[in-house]
Amino acid sequence: MNQALVGNGAATLFPTTAQALEQRDTRLRGLVTMPATTAPPAHSALTLPEFDPQP
């Protein structure tokens, strides 16, 4: 499920080329609001058991 979230393989946080850096900066300048805080479905696919402090 997480593999479907992968984009085209570009390093968005630390671009490795001048063109990628320019594209990232352009995207950042175009932001007007923060991205939505709802988690993608793949991140909520794991259900943990209830915590039991008694061994």
C-alpha atoms as a PDB file:
ATOM      1  CA  MET A   1       0.000   0.000   0.000  1.00  0.00           C
ATOM      2  CA  ASN A   2       2.839   2.416   0.803  1.00  0.00           C
ATOM      3  CA  GLN A   3       4.518   1.737  -2.535  1.00  0.00           C
ATOM      4  CA  ALA A   4       1.533   3.291  -4.300  1.00  0.00           C
ATOM      5  CA  LEU A   5       2.296   6.582  -2.506  1.00  0.00           C
ATOM      6  CA  VAL A   6       5.725   6.875  -4.134  1.00  0.00           C
ATOM      7  CA  GLY A   7       5.931   9.598  -6.750  1.00  0.00           C
ATOM      8  CA  ASN A   8       8.303   9.767  -9.681  1.00  0.00           C
ATOM      9  CA  GLY A   9      11.405   9.332  -7.541  1.00  0.00           C
ATOM     10  CA  ALA A  10      12.347  12.999  -7.268  1.00  0.00           C
ATOM     11  CA  ALA A  11      14.051  14.173  -4.107  1.00  0.00           C
ATOM     12  CA  THR A  12      11.651  16.930  -3.061  1.00  0.00           C
ATOM     13  CA  LEU A  13      13.339  17.848   0.202  1.00  0.00           C
ATOM     14  CA  PHE A  14      16.935  17.879  -1.067  1.00  0.00           C
ATOM     15  CA  PRO A  15      16.927  18.314  -4.869  1.00  0.00           C
ATOM     16  CA  THR A  16      20.060  17.087  -6.606  1.00  0.00           C
ATOM     17  CA  THR A  17      19.919  19.202  -9.762  1.00  0.00           C
ATOM     18  CA  ALA A  18      19.464  22.906 -10.456  1.00  0.00           C
ATOM     19  CA  GLN A  19      16.243  22.158 -12.328  1.00  0.00           C
ATOM     20  CA  ALA A  20      14.832  20.131  -9.414  1.00  0.00           C
ATOM     21  CA  LEU A  21      15.798  22.918  -7.009  1.00  0.00           C
ATOM     22  CA  GLU A  22      14.012  25.488  -9.153  1.00  0.00           C
ATOM     23  CA  GLN A  23      10.906  23.287  -9.363  1.00  0.00           C
ATOM     24  CA  ARG A  24      10.870  22.791  -5.582  1.00  0.00           C
ATOM     25  CA  ASP A  25      11.270  26.510  -4.923  1.00  0.00           C
ATOM     26  CA  THR A  26       8.466  27.308  -7.343  1.00  0.00           C
ATOM     27  CA  ARG A  27       6.160  24.829  -5.586  1.00  0.00           C
ATOM     28  CA  LEU A  28       7.044  26.278  -2.168  1.00  0.00           C
ATOM     29  CA  ARG A  29       6.422  29.846  -3.325  1.00  0.00           C
ATOM     30  CA  GLY A  30       3.020  28.791  -4.658  1.00  0.00           C
ATOM     31  CA  LEU A  31       1.798  27.447  -1.326  1.00  0.00           C
ATOM     32  CA  VAL A  32      -0.963  29.523   0.194  1.00  0.00           C
ATOM     33  CA  THR A  33      -2.057  27.166   2.982  1.00  0.00           C
ATOM     34  CA  MET A  34      -0.620  24.210   4.841  1.00  0.00           C
ATOM     35  CA  PRO A  35      -1.355  20.771   3.373  1.00  0.00           C
ATOM     36  CA  ALA A  36      -4.259  18.793   4.830  1.00  0.00           C
ATOM     37  CA  THR A  37      -3.479  16.970   8.059  1.00  0.00           C
ATOM     38  CA  THR A  38      -5.539  13.871   7.268  1.00  0.00           C
ATOM     39  CA  ALA A  39      -3.364  10.780   7.024  1.00  0.00           C
ATOM     40  CA  PRO A  40      -3.260   8.816   3.756  1.00  0.00           C
ATOM     41  CA  PRO A  41      -5.028   5.438   4.040  1.00  0.00           C
ATOM     42  CA  ALA A  42      -1.745   3.480   3.930  1.00  0.00           C
ATOM     43  CA  HIS A  43      -0.480   5.215   7.060  1.00  0.00           C
ATOM     44  CA  SER A  44      -3.550   4.180   9.017  1.00  0.00           C
ATOM     45  CA  ALA A  45      -3.608   0.594   7.750  1.00  0.00           C
ATOM     46  CA  LEU A  46      -1.732  -0.685  10.810  1.00  0.00           C
ATOM     47  CA  THR A  47      -3.854  -1.390  13.876  1.00  0.00           C
ATOM     48  CA  LEU A  48      -1.937  -1.843  17.113  1.00  0.00           C
ATOM     49  CA  PRO A  49      -3.246  -3.943  20.004  1.00  0.00           C
ATOM     50  CA  GLU A  50      -4.429  -2.242  23.179  1.00  0.00           C
ATOM     51  CA  PHE A  51      -1.658  -1.495  25.682  1.00  0.00           C
ATOM     52  CA  ASP A  52      -1.740  -3.763  28.765  1.00  0.00           C
ATOM     53  CA  PRO A  53       0.620  -2.514  31.509  1.00  0.00           C
ATOM     54  CA  GLN A  54       0.159  -5.722  33.517  1.00  0.00           C
ATOM     55  CA  PRO A  55       2.461  -8.548  32.299  1.00  0.00           C
END
